[in-house]
PDB file of N, CA and C in Angstrom:
ATOM      1  N   MET A   1      19.604 -17.296 -13.230  1.00  0.00           N
ATOM      2  CA  MET A   1      18.753 -16.187 -12.849  1.00  0.00           C
ATOM      3  C   MET A   1      19.547 -14.891 -12.962  1.00  0.00           C
ATOM      4  N   ILE A   2      18.814 -13.820 -13.177  1.00  0.00           N
ATOM      5  CA  ILE A   2      19.397 -12.492 -13.333  1.00  0.00           C
ATOM      6  C   ILE A   2      18.850 -11.594 -12.225  1.00  0.00           C
ATOM      7  N   LEU A   3      19.736 -10.884 -11.548  1.00  0.00           N
ATOM      8  CA  LEU A   3      19.336  -9.900 -10.547  1.00  0.00           C
ATOM      9  C   LEU A   3      19.537  -8.520 -11.158  1.00  0.00           C
ATOM     10  N   TYR A   4      18.443  -7.814 -11.323  1.00  0.00           N
ATOM     11  CA  TYR A   4      18.453  -6.449 -11.847  1.00  0.00           C
ATOM     12  C   TYR A   4      18.352  -5.526 -10.642  1.00  0.00           C
ATOM     13  N   ASN A   5      19.411  -4.761 -10.397  1.00  0.00           N
ATOM     14  CA  ASN A   5      19.496  -3.918  -9.212  1.00  0.00           C
ATOM     15  C   ASN A   5      19.495  -2.450  -9.624  1.00  0.00           C
ATOM     16  N   VAL A   6      18.636  -1.662  -8.976  1.00  0.00           N
ATOM     17  CA  VAL A   6      18.611  -0.219  -9.187  1.00  0.00           C
ATOM     18  C   VAL A   6      18.981   0.422  -7.861  1.00  0.00           C
ATOM     19  N   THR A   7      20.101   1.132  -7.837  1.00  0.00           N
ATOM     20  CA  THR A   7      20.548   1.837  -6.639  1.00  0.00           C
ATOM     21  C   THR A   7      20.153   3.301  -6.785  1.00  0.00           C
ATOM     22  N   ILE A   8      19.450   3.811  -5.780  1.00  0.00           N
ATOM     23  CA  ILE A   8      18.915   5.177  -5.838  1.00  0.00           C
ATOM     24  C   ILE A   8      19.268   5.919  -4.559  1.00  0.00           C
ATOM     25  N   ASN A   9      19.716   7.153  -4.731  1.00  0.00           N
ATOM     26  CA  ASN A   9      19.840   8.083  -3.614  1.00  0.00           C
ATOM     27  C   ASN A   9      18.737   9.114  -3.819  1.00  0.00           C
ATOM     28  N   ILE A  10      17.821   9.207  -2.855  1.00  0.00           N
ATOM     29  CA  ILE A  10      16.663  10.093  -2.957  1.00  0.00           C
ATOM     30  C   ILE A  10      16.773  11.201  -1.915  1.00  0.00           C
ATOM     31  N   ASP A  11      16.465  12.417  -2.305  1.00  0.00           N
ATOM     32  CA  ASP A  11      16.547  13.563  -1.394  1.00  0.00           C
ATOM     33  C   ASP A  11      15.716  13.340  -0.141  1.00  0.00           C
ATOM     34  N   HIS A  12      16.252  13.808   0.999  1.00  0.00           N
ATOM     35  CA  HIS A  12      15.548  13.671   2.273  1.00  0.00           C
ATOM     36  C   HIS A  12      14.138  14.251   2.217  1.00  0.00           C
ATOM     37  N   GLU A  13      13.967  15.377   1.547  1.00  0.00           N
ATOM     38  CA  GLU A  13      12.672  16.072   1.559  1.00  0.00           C
ATOM     39  C   GLU A  13      11.539  15.280   0.908  1.00  0.00           C
ATOM     40  N   VAL A  14      11.852  14.331   0.026  1.00  0.00           N
ATOM     41  CA  VAL A  14      10.799  13.544  -0.627  1.00  0.00           C
ATOM     42  C   VAL A  14      10.916  12.050  -0.326  1.00  0.00           C
ATOM     43  N   GLN A  15      11.848  11.681   0.530  1.00  0.00           N
ATOM     44  CA  GLN A  15      12.161  10.273   0.753  1.00  0.00           C
ATOM     45  C   GLN A  15      10.961   9.458   1.226  1.00  0.00           C
ATOM     46  N   GLU A  16      10.214   9.935   2.197  1.00  0.00           N
ATOM     47  CA  GLU A  16       9.083   9.158   2.717  1.00  0.00           C
ATOM     48  C   GLU A  16       7.989   8.992   1.675  1.00  0.00           C
ATOM     49  N   GLU A  17       7.670  10.068   0.954  1.00  0.00           N
ATOM     50  CA  GLU A  17       6.646  10.004  -0.097  1.00  0.00           C
ATOM     51  C   GLU A  17       7.115   9.085  -1.225  1.00  0.00           C
ATOM     52  N   TRP A  18       8.403   9.188  -1.606  1.00  0.00           N
ATOM     53  CA  TRP A  18       8.982   8.343  -2.650  1.00  0.00           C
ATOM     54  C   TRP A  18       8.894   6.867  -2.269  1.00  0.00           C
ATOM     55  N   LEU A  19       9.266   6.534  -1.031  1.00  0.00           N
ATOM     56  CA  LEU A  19       9.245   5.147  -0.587  1.00  0.00           C
ATOM     57  C   LEU A  19       7.823   4.592  -0.632  1.00  0.00           C
ATOM     58  N   SER A  20       6.863   5.379  -0.207  1.00  0.00           N
ATOM     59  CA  SER A  20       5.463   4.956  -0.271  1.00  0.00           C
ATOM     60  C   SER A  20       5.033   4.730  -1.722  1.00  0.00           C
ATOM     61  N   TRP A  21       5.411   5.638  -2.623  1.00  0.00           N
ATOM     62  CA  TRP A  21       5.067   5.506  -4.043  1.00  0.00           C
ATOM     63  C   TRP A  21       5.741   4.285  -4.663  1.00  0.00           C
ATOM     64  N   MET A  22       6.986   4.039  -4.288  1.00  0.00           N
ATOM     65  CA  MET A  22       7.690   2.870  -4.805  1.00  0.00           C
ATOM     66  C   MET A  22       6.965   1.593  -4.391  1.00  0.00           C
ATOM     67  N   LYS A  23       6.559   1.515  -3.123  1.00  0.00           N
ATOM     68  CA  LYS A  23       5.891   0.315  -2.609  1.00  0.00           C
ATOM     69  C   LYS A  23       4.492   0.124  -3.194  1.00  0.00           C
ATOM     70  N   SER A  24       3.763   1.201  -3.374  1.00  0.00           N
ATOM     71  CA  SER A  24       2.359   1.081  -3.774  1.00  0.00           C
ATOM     72  C   SER A  24       2.118   1.209  -5.274  1.00  0.00           C
ATOM     73  N   VAL A  25       3.063   1.826  -6.009  1.00  0.00           N
ATOM     74  CA  VAL A  25       2.833   2.071  -7.437  1.00  0.00           C
ATOM     75  C   VAL A  25       3.945   1.476  -8.309  1.00  0.00           C
ATOM     76  N   HIS A  26       5.157   1.974  -8.157  1.00  0.00           N
ATOM     77  CA  HIS A  26       6.214   1.635  -9.119  1.00  0.00           C
ATOM     78  C   HIS A  26       6.603   0.155  -9.101  1.00  0.00           C
ATOM     79  N   VAL A  27       6.941  -0.370  -7.936  1.00  0.00           N
ATOM     80  CA  VAL A  27       7.346  -1.783  -7.874  1.00  0.00           C
ATOM     81  C   VAL A  27       6.194  -2.692  -8.311  1.00  0.00           C
ATOM     82  N   PRO A  28       4.945  -2.447  -7.876  1.00  0.00           N
ATOM     83  CA  PRO A  28       3.863  -3.272  -8.410  1.00  0.00           C
ATOM     84  C   PRO A  28       3.725  -3.176  -9.937  1.00  0.00           C
ATOM     85  N   ASP A  29       3.929  -1.981 -10.502  1.00  0.00           N
ATOM     86  CA  ASP A  29       3.873  -1.846 -11.962  1.00  0.00           C
ATOM     87  C   ASP A  29       4.966  -2.685 -12.631  1.00  0.00           C
ATOM     88  N   VAL A  30       6.172  -2.672 -12.070  1.00  0.00           N
ATOM     89  CA  VAL A  30       7.255  -3.498 -12.621  1.00  0.00           C
ATOM     90  C   VAL A  30       6.894  -4.972 -12.501  1.00  0.00           C
ATOM     91  N   MET A  31       6.415  -5.385 -11.345  1.00  0.00           N
ATOM     92  CA  MET A  31       6.057  -6.785 -11.137  1.00  0.00           C
ATOM     93  C   MET A  31       4.904  -7.214 -12.050  1.00  0.00           C
ATOM     94  N   ASN A  32       4.000  -6.294 -12.340  1.00  0.00           N
ATOM     95  CA  ASN A  32       2.856  -6.615 -13.194  1.00  0.00           C
ATOM     96  C   ASN A  32       3.226  -6.831 -14.659  1.00  0.00           C
ATOM     97  N   THR A  33       4.490  -6.605 -15.023  1.00  0.00           N
ATOM     98  CA  THR A  33       4.923  -6.950 -16.379  1.00  0.00           C
ATOM     99  C   THR A  33       4.906  -8.461 -16.566  1.00  0.00           C
ATOM    100  N   GLY A  34       4.922  -9.210 -15.463  1.00  0.00           N
ATOM    101  CA  GLY A  34       4.921 -10.663 -15.521  1.00  0.00           C
ATOM    102  C   GLY A  34       6.283 -11.270 -15.793  1.00  0.00           C
ATOM    103  N   LEU A  35       7.326 -10.454 -15.813  1.00  0.00           N
ATOM    104  CA  LEU A  35       8.667 -10.936 -16.154  1.00  0.00           C
ATOM    105  C   LEU A  35       9.536 -11.225 -14.936  1.00  0.00           C
ATOM    106  N   PHE A  36       9.172 -10.697 -13.776  1.00  0.00           N
ATOM    107  CA  PHE A  36      10.018 -10.799 -12.594  1.00  0.00           C
ATOM    108  C   PHE A  36       9.471 -11.832 -11.619  1.00  0.00           C
ATOM    109  N   LEU A  37      10.378 -12.543 -10.957  1.00  0.00           N
ATOM    110  CA  LEU A  37      10.012 -13.569  -9.989  1.00  0.00           C
ATOM    111  C   LEU A  37       9.726 -12.973  -8.620  1.00  0.00           C
ATOM    112  N   ASP A  38      10.527 -11.986  -8.216  1.00  0.00           N
ATOM    113  CA  ASP A  38      10.288 -11.286  -6.957  1.00  0.00           C
ATOM    114  C   ASP A  38      11.040  -9.968  -6.954  1.00  0.00           C
ATOM    115  N   SER A  39      10.783  -9.187  -5.914  1.00  0.00           N
ATOM    116  CA  SER A  39      11.438  -7.879  -5.781  1.00  0.00           C
ATOM    117  C   SER A  39      11.661  -7.580  -4.302  1.00  0.00           C
ATOM    118  N   LYS A  40      12.629  -6.702  -4.063  1.00  0.00           N
ATOM    119  CA  LYS A  40      12.938  -6.257  -2.702  1.00  0.00           C
ATOM    120  C   LYS A  40      13.319  -4.787  -2.758  1.00  0.00           C
ATOM    121  N   ILE A  41      12.963  -4.058  -1.728  1.00  0.00           N
ATOM    122  CA  ILE A  41      13.463  -2.702  -1.526  1.00  0.00           C
ATOM    123  C   ILE A  41      14.325  -2.758  -0.281  1.00  0.00           C
ATOM    124  N   CYS A  42      15.600  -2.428  -0.424  1.00  0.00           N
ATOM    125  CA  CYS A  42      16.551  -2.509   0.682  1.00  0.00           C
ATOM    126  C   CYS A  42      17.135  -1.132   0.968  1.00  0.00           C
ATOM    127  N   ARG A  43      17.158  -0.760   2.220  1.00  0.00           N
ATOM    128  CA  ARG A  43      17.794   0.491   2.649  1.00  0.00           C
ATOM    129  C   ARG A  43      19.289   0.245   2.754  1.00  0.00           C
ATOM    130  N   ILE A  44      20.087   1.106   2.142  1.00  0.00           N
ATOM    131  CA  ILE A  44      21.543   1.014   2.222  1.00  0.00           C
ATOM    132  C   ILE A  44      21.998   1.867   3.398  1.00  0.00           C
ATOM    133  N   HIS A  45      22.740   1.266   4.299  1.00  0.00           N
ATOM    134  CA  HIS A  45      23.253   1.998   5.453  1.00  0.00           C
ATOM    135  C   HIS A  45      24.673   2.447   5.154  1.00  0.00           C
ATOM    136  N   ALA A  46      24.782   3.732   4.834  1.00  0.00           N
ATOM    137  CA  ALA A  46      26.075   4.326   4.511  1.00  0.00           C
ATOM    138  C   ALA A  46      25.971   5.823   4.760  1.00  0.00           C
ATOM    139  N   GLU A  47      27.128   6.478   4.844  1.00  0.00           N
ATOM    140  CA  GLU A  47      27.118   7.932   4.981  1.00  0.00           C
ATOM    141  C   GLU A  47      26.559   8.540   3.716  1.00  0.00           C
ATOM    142  N   GLU A  48      25.657   9.514   3.884  1.00  0.00           N
ATOM    143  CA  GLU A  48      25.010  10.130   2.739  1.00  0.00           C
ATOM    144  C   GLU A  48      24.901  11.628   2.952  1.00  0.00           C
ATOM    145  N   ASP A  49      25.112  12.359   1.884  1.00  0.00           N
ATOM    146  CA  ASP A  49      24.894  13.797   1.899  1.00  0.00           C
ATOM    147  C   ASP A  49      23.653  14.091   1.082  1.00  0.00           C
ATOM    148  N   GLY A  50      22.644  14.658   1.710  1.00  0.00           N
ATOM    149  CA  GLY A  50      21.478  15.115   0.979  1.00  0.00           C
ATOM    150  C   GLY A  50      20.401  14.102   0.688  1.00  0.00           C
ATOM    151  N   GLY A  51      20.572  12.854   1.067  1.00  0.00           N
ATOM    152  CA  GLY A  51      19.531  11.886   0.772  1.00  0.00           C
ATOM    153  C   GLY A  51      19.768  10.549   1.430  1.00  0.00           C
ATOM    154  N   LYS A  52      18.839   9.635   1.186  1.00  0.00           N
ATOM    155  CA  LYS A  52      18.970   8.261   1.665  1.00  0.00           C
ATOM    156  C   LYS A  52      19.105   7.354   0.451  1.00  0.00           C
ATOM    157  N   SER A  53      19.838   6.260   0.629  1.00  0.00           N
ATOM    158  CA  SER A  53      20.095   5.356  -0.485  1.00  0.00           C
ATOM    159  C   SER A  53      19.358   4.037  -0.317  1.00  0.00           C
ATOM    160  N   TYR A  54      18.883   3.518  -1.444  1.00  0.00           N
ATOM    161  CA  TYR A  54      18.141   2.268  -1.492  1.00  0.00           C
ATOM    162  C   TYR A  54      18.638   1.416  -2.647  1.00  0.00           C
ATOM    163  N   SER A  55      18.503   0.126  -2.473  1.00  0.00           N
ATOM    164  CA  SER A  55      18.727  -0.842  -3.537  1.00  0.00           C
ATOM    165  C   SER A  55      17.389  -1.508  -3.813  1.00  0.00           C
ATOM    166  N   ILE A  56      16.892  -1.355  -5.037  1.00  0.00           N
ATOM    167  CA  ILE A  56      15.666  -2.024  -5.436  1.00  0.00           C
ATOM    168  C   ILE A  56      16.094  -3.196  -6.302  1.00  0.00           C
ATOM    169  N   GLN A  57      15.747  -4.400  -5.880  1.00  0.00           N
ATOM    170  CA  GLN A  57      16.237  -5.614  -6.531  1.00  0.00           C
ATOM    171  C   GLN A  57      15.079  -6.391  -7.130  1.00  0.00           C
ATOM    172  N   TYR A  58      15.275  -6.780  -8.379  1.00  0.00           N
ATOM    173  CA  TYR A  58      14.274  -7.562  -9.107  1.00  0.00           C
ATOM    174  C   TYR A  58      14.949  -8.820  -9.633  1.00  0.00           C
ATOM    175  N   LEU A  59      14.321  -9.959  -9.451  1.00  0.00           N
ATOM    176  CA  LEU A  59      14.876 -11.228  -9.897  1.00  0.00           C
ATOM    177  C   LEU A  59      14.126 -11.724 -11.131  1.00  0.00           C
ATOM    178  N   LEU A  60      14.896 -12.089 -12.161  1.00  0.00           N
ATOM    179  CA  LEU A  60      14.341 -12.636 -13.405  1.00  0.00           C
ATOM    180  C   LEU A  60      14.898 -14.025 -13.638  1.00  0.00           C
ATOM    181  N   LYS A  61      14.160 -14.850 -14.365  1.00  0.00           N
ATOM    182  CA  LYS A  61      14.654 -16.205 -14.597  1.00  0.00           C
ATOM    183  C   LYS A  61      15.641 -16.287 -15.750  1.00  0.00           C
ATOM    184  N   SER A  62      15.669 -15.292 -16.669  1.00  0.00           N
ATOM    185  CA  SER A  62      16.536 -15.421 -17.841  1.00  0.00           C
ATOM    186  C   SER A  62      16.910 -14.063 -18.436  1.00  0.00           C
ATOM    187  N   TRP A  63      17.943 -14.089 -19.276  1.00  0.00           N
ATOM    188  CA  TRP A  63      18.332 -12.900 -20.031  1.00  0.00           C
ATOM    189  C   TRP A  63      17.220 -12.519 -21.010  1.00  0.00           C
ATOM    190  N   GLU A  64      16.499 -13.492 -21.508  1.00  0.00           N
ATOM    191  CA  GLU A  64      15.393 -13.215 -22.422  1.00  0.00           C
ATOM    192  C   GLU A  64      14.323 -12.363 -21.728  1.00  0.00           C
ATOM    193  N   ASP A  65      14.025 -12.710 -20.485  1.00  0.00           N
ATOM    194  CA  ASP A  65      13.050 -11.912 -19.733  1.00  0.00           C
ATOM    195  C   ASP A  65      13.571 -10.501 -19.494  1.00  0.00           C
ATOM    196  N   TYR A  66      14.848 -10.381 -19.184  1.00  0.00           N
ATOM    197  CA  TYR A  66      15.427  -9.043 -19.001  1.00  0.00           C
ATOM    198  C   TYR A  66      15.313  -8.238 -20.299  1.00  0.00           C
ATOM    199  N   ASN A  67      15.675  -8.854 -21.416  1.00  0.00           N
ATOM    200  CA  ASN A  67      15.598  -8.153 -22.700  1.00  0.00           C
ATOM    201  C   ASN A  67      14.163  -7.757 -23.037  1.00  0.00           C
ATOM    202  N   SER A  68      13.202  -8.587 -22.701  1.00  0.00           N
ATOM    203  CA  SER A  68      11.793  -8.239 -22.902  1.00  0.00           C
ATOM    204  C   SER A  68      11.414  -7.031 -22.062  1.00  0.00           C
ATOM    205  N   TYR A  69      11.882  -7.003 -20.820  1.00  0.00           N
ATOM    206  CA  TYR A  69      11.607  -5.854 -19.951  1.00  0.00           C
ATOM    207  C   TYR A  69      12.183  -4.579 -20.571  1.00  0.00           C
ATOM    208  N   VAL A  70      13.441  -4.640 -20.973  1.00  0.00           N
ATOM    209  CA  VAL A  70      14.097  -3.460 -21.552  1.00  0.00           C
ATOM    210  C   VAL A  70      13.375  -3.000 -22.819  1.00  0.00           C
ATOM    211  N   ASN A  71      13.030  -3.930 -23.683  1.00  0.00           N
ATOM    212  CA  ASN A  71      12.428  -3.579 -24.971  1.00  0.00           C
ATOM    213  C   ASN A  71      10.973  -3.138 -24.874  1.00  0.00           C
ATOM    214  N   ASP A  72      10.233  -3.688 -23.911  1.00  0.00           N
ATOM    215  CA  ASP A  72       8.790  -3.457 -23.879  1.00  0.00           C
ATOM    216  C   ASP A  72       8.278  -2.570 -22.747  1.00  0.00           C
ATOM    217  N   PHE A  73       9.048  -2.434 -21.659  1.00  0.00           N
ATOM    218  CA  PHE A  73       8.505  -1.767 -20.475  1.00  0.00           C
ATOM    219  C   PHE A  73       9.402  -0.704 -19.832  1.00  0.00           C
ATOM    220  N   ALA A  74      10.706  -0.892 -19.866  1.00  0.00           N
ATOM    221  CA  ALA A  74      11.625  -0.080 -19.060  1.00  0.00           C
ATOM    222  C   ALA A  74      11.504   1.413 -19.342  1.00  0.00           C
ATOM    223  N   GLU A  75      11.463   1.795 -20.590  1.00  0.00           N
ATOM    224  CA  GLU A  75      11.447   3.223 -20.915  1.00  0.00           C
ATOM    225  C   GLU A  75      10.263   3.942 -20.272  1.00  0.00           C
ATOM    226  N   LYS A  76       9.073   3.373 -20.403  1.00  0.00           N
ATOM    227  CA  LYS A  76       7.882   4.001 -19.832  1.00  0.00           C
ATOM    228  C   LYS A  76       7.957   4.069 -18.308  1.00  0.00           C
ATOM    229  N   LEU A  77       8.343   2.967 -17.665  1.00  0.00           N
ATOM    230  CA  LEU A  77       8.393   2.933 -16.204  1.00  0.00           C
ATOM    231  C   LEU A  77       9.469   3.863 -15.659  1.00  0.00           C
ATOM    232  N   GLN A  78      10.624   3.901 -16.292  1.00  0.00           N
ATOM    233  CA  GLN A  78      11.691   4.787 -15.841  1.00  0.00           C
ATOM    234  C   GLN A  78      11.324   6.250 -16.069  1.00  0.00           C
ATOM    235  N   LYS A  79      10.622   6.529 -17.165  1.00  0.00           N
ATOM    236  CA  LYS A  79      10.198   7.907 -17.452  1.00  0.00           C
ATOM    237  C   LYS A  79       9.231   8.404 -16.384  1.00  0.00           C
ATOM    238  N   GLU A  80       8.281   7.551 -15.967  1.00  0.00           N
ATOM    239  CA  GLU A  80       7.336   7.932 -14.904  1.00  0.00           C
ATOM    240  C   GLU A  80       8.082   8.321 -13.634  1.00  0.00           C
ATOM    241  N   HIS A  81       9.076   7.520 -13.257  1.00  0.00           N
ATOM    242  CA  HIS A  81       9.866   7.807 -12.055  1.00  0.00           C
ATOM    243  C   HIS A  81      10.639   9.109 -12.221  1.00  0.00           C
ATOM    244  N   THR A  82      11.295   9.265 -13.349  1.00  0.00           N
ATOM    245  CA  THR A  82      12.119  10.454 -13.588  1.00  0.00           C
ATOM    246  C   THR A  82      11.283  11.726 -13.579  1.00  0.00           C
ATOM    247  N   GLU A  83      10.112  11.686 -14.203  1.00  0.00           N
ATOM    248  CA  GLU A  83       9.255  12.876 -14.225  1.00  0.00           C
ATOM    249  C   GLU A  83       8.715  13.205 -12.833  1.00  0.00           C
ATOM    250  N   LYS A  84       8.354  12.190 -12.075  1.00  0.00           N
ATOM    251  CA  LYS A  84       7.782  12.415 -10.737  1.00  0.00           C
ATOM    252  C   LYS A  84       8.827  12.954  -9.764  1.00  0.00           C
ATOM    253  N   TYR A  85      10.075  12.512  -9.890  1.00  0.00           N
ATOM    254  CA  TYR A  85      11.121  12.888  -8.925  1.00  0.00           C
ATOM    255  C   TYR A  85      12.298  13.588  -9.590  1.00  0.00           C
ATOM    256  N   ALA A  86      12.022  14.366 -10.611  1.00  0.00           N
ATOM    257  CA  ALA A  86      13.068  15.091 -11.340  1.00  0.00           C
ATOM    258  C   ALA A  86      13.910  15.928 -10.386  1.00  0.00           C
ATOM    259  N   ASN A  87      15.219  15.827 -10.541  1.00  0.00           N
ATOM    260  CA  ASN A  87      16.190  16.591  -9.743  1.00  0.00           C
ATOM    261  C   ASN A  87      16.161  16.251  -8.254  1.00  0.00           C
ATOM    262  N   LYS A  88      15.536  15.138  -7.886  1.00  0.00           N
ATOM    263  CA  LYS A  88      15.449  14.729  -6.480  1.00  0.00           C
ATOM    264  C   LYS A  88      16.164  13.405  -6.227  1.00  0.00           C
ATOM    265  N   PHE A  89      16.787  12.818  -7.255  1.00  0.00           N
ATOM    266  CA  PHE A  89      17.427  11.518  -7.079  1.00  0.00           C
ATOM    267  C   PHE A  89      18.573  11.352  -8.072  1.00  0.00           C
ATOM    268  N   VAL A  90      19.437  10.418  -7.730  1.00  0.00           N
ATOM    269  CA  VAL A  90      20.417   9.889  -8.673  1.00  0.00           C
ATOM    270  C   VAL A  90      20.274   8.376  -8.614  1.00  0.00           C
ATOM    271  N   ALA A  91      20.489   7.728  -9.764  1.00  0.00           N
ATOM    272  CA  ALA A  91      20.300   6.285  -9.821  1.00  0.00           C
ATOM    273  C   ALA A  91      21.308   5.663 -10.766  1.00  0.00           C
ATOM    274  N   PHE A  92      21.636   4.414 -10.486  1.00  0.00           N
ATOM    275  CA  PHE A  92      22.381   3.616 -11.448  1.00  0.00           C
ATOM    276  C   PHE A  92      21.896   2.183 -11.355  1.00  0.00           C
ATOM    277  N   ARG A  93      22.060   1.484 -12.462  1.00  0.00           N
ATOM    278  CA  ARG A  93      21.552   0.123 -12.571  1.00  0.00           C
ATOM    279  C   ARG A  93      22.703  -0.855 -12.715  1.00  0.00           C
ATOM    280  N   THR A  94      22.514  -2.034 -12.124  1.00  0.00           N
ATOM    281  CA  THR A  94      23.526  -3.087 -12.172  1.00  0.00           C
ATOM    282  C   THR A  94      22.830  -4.395 -12.509  1.00  0.00           C
ATOM    283  N   LEU A  95      23.446  -5.171 -13.366  1.00  0.00           N
ATOM    284  CA  LEU A  95      22.948  -6.509 -13.688  1.00  0.00           C
ATOM    285  C   LEU A  95      23.902  -7.534 -13.113  1.00  0.00           C
ATOM    286  N   LEU A  96      23.341  -8.514 -12.403  1.00  0.00           N
ATOM    287  CA  LEU A  96      24.150  -9.579 -11.821  1.00  0.00           C
ATOM    288  C   LEU A  96      23.589 -10.917 -12.272  1.00  0.00           C
ATOM    289  N   GLU A  97      24.457 -11.823 -12.602  1.00  0.00           N
ATOM    290  CA  GLU A  97      24.029 -13.168 -12.929  1.00  0.00           C
ATOM    291  C   GLU A  97      24.189 -14.025 -11.680  1.00  0.00           C
ATOM    292  N   VAL A  98      23.095 -14.594 -11.212  1.00  0.00           N
ATOM    293  CA  VAL A  98      23.105 -15.386  -9.990  1.00  0.00           C
ATOM    294  C   VAL A  98      23.716 -16.751 -10.305  1.00  0.00           C
ATOM    295  N   GLU A  99      24.829 -17.034  -9.644  1.00  0.00           N
ATOM    296  CA  GLU A  99      25.527 -18.303  -9.851  1.00  0.00           C
ATOM    297  C   GLU A  99      25.050 -19.377  -8.877  1.00  0.00           C
ATOM    298  N   HIS A 100      24.570 -18.930  -7.701  1.00  0.00           N
ATOM    299  CA  HIS A 100      24.141 -19.875  -6.674  1.00  0.00           C
ATOM    300  C   HIS A 100      23.148 -19.163  -5.772  1.00  0.00           C
ATOM    301  N   HIS A 101      22.041 -19.835  -5.457  1.00  0.00           N
ATOM    302  CA  HIS A 101      21.012 -19.229  -4.627  1.00  0.00           C
ATOM    303  C   HIS A 101      20.434 -20.326  -3.731  1.00  0.00           C
ATOM    304  N   VAL A 102      20.462 -20.093  -2.434  1.00  0.00           N
ATOM    305  CA  VAL A 102      19.879 -21.021  -1.470  1.00  0.00           C
ATOM    306  C   VAL A 102      18.840 -20.250  -0.688  1.00  0.00           C
ATOM    307  N   LYS A 103      17.656 -20.823  -0.554  1.00  0.00           N
ATOM    308  CA  LYS A 103      16.583 -20.173   0.170  1.00  0.00           C
ATOM    309  C   LYS A 103      16.045 -21.144   1.205  1.00  0.00           C
ATOM    310  N   ARG A 104      16.029 -20.722   2.464  1.00  0.00           N
ATOM    311  CA  ARG A 104      15.463 -21.551   3.520  1.00  0.00           C
ATOM    312  C   ARG A 104      13.957 -21.487   3.488  1.00  0.00           C
ATOM    313  N   ASP A 105      13.311 -22.612   3.676  1.00  0.00           N
ATOM    314  CA  ASP A 105      11.846 -22.647   3.750  1.00  0.00           C
ATOM    315  C   ASP A 105      11.373 -21.909   4.979  1.00  0.00           C
ATOM    316  N   GLY A 106      10.246 -21.232   4.834  1.00  0.00           N
ATOM    317  CA  GLY A 106       9.611 -20.589   5.974  1.00  0.00           C
ATOM    318  C   GLY A 106      10.123 -19.202   6.290  1.00  0.00           C
ATOM    319  N   LEU A 107      11.076 -18.698   5.561  1.00  0.00           N
ATOM    320  CA  LEU A 107      11.565 -17.350   5.803  1.00  0.00           C
ATOM    321  C   LEU A 107      10.855 -16.368   4.898  1.00  0.00           C
ATOM    322  N   PHE A 108      10.544 -15.251   5.450  1.00  0.00           N
ATOM    323  CA  PHE A 108       9.897 -14.154   4.736  1.00  0.00           C
ATOM    324  C   PHE A 108       8.654 -14.659   4.064  1.00  0.00           C
TER     325      PHE A 108
END
């Protein structure tokens, strides 16, 4: 499995509106590509100047699915985010290959 992580620091002045938009529009649009198994939005607790930081995590079953996302969907979805929140965020992306994953039944 592949964990596609987007770390974002969003300005305080738009943080609440951004979080609502991420939950109701952007993350559902990413999930609707049909390539991701699940997603999470996690608040990062760290010292921050000018904004709050989040980790948006998407799980894929294969590198092929990741490549399909990049080739067919990423540019449009990232452009929508960038245009909506221009000059209000910084972001970087990380790819992790999941070597071991244990999930307890009945959680979340």
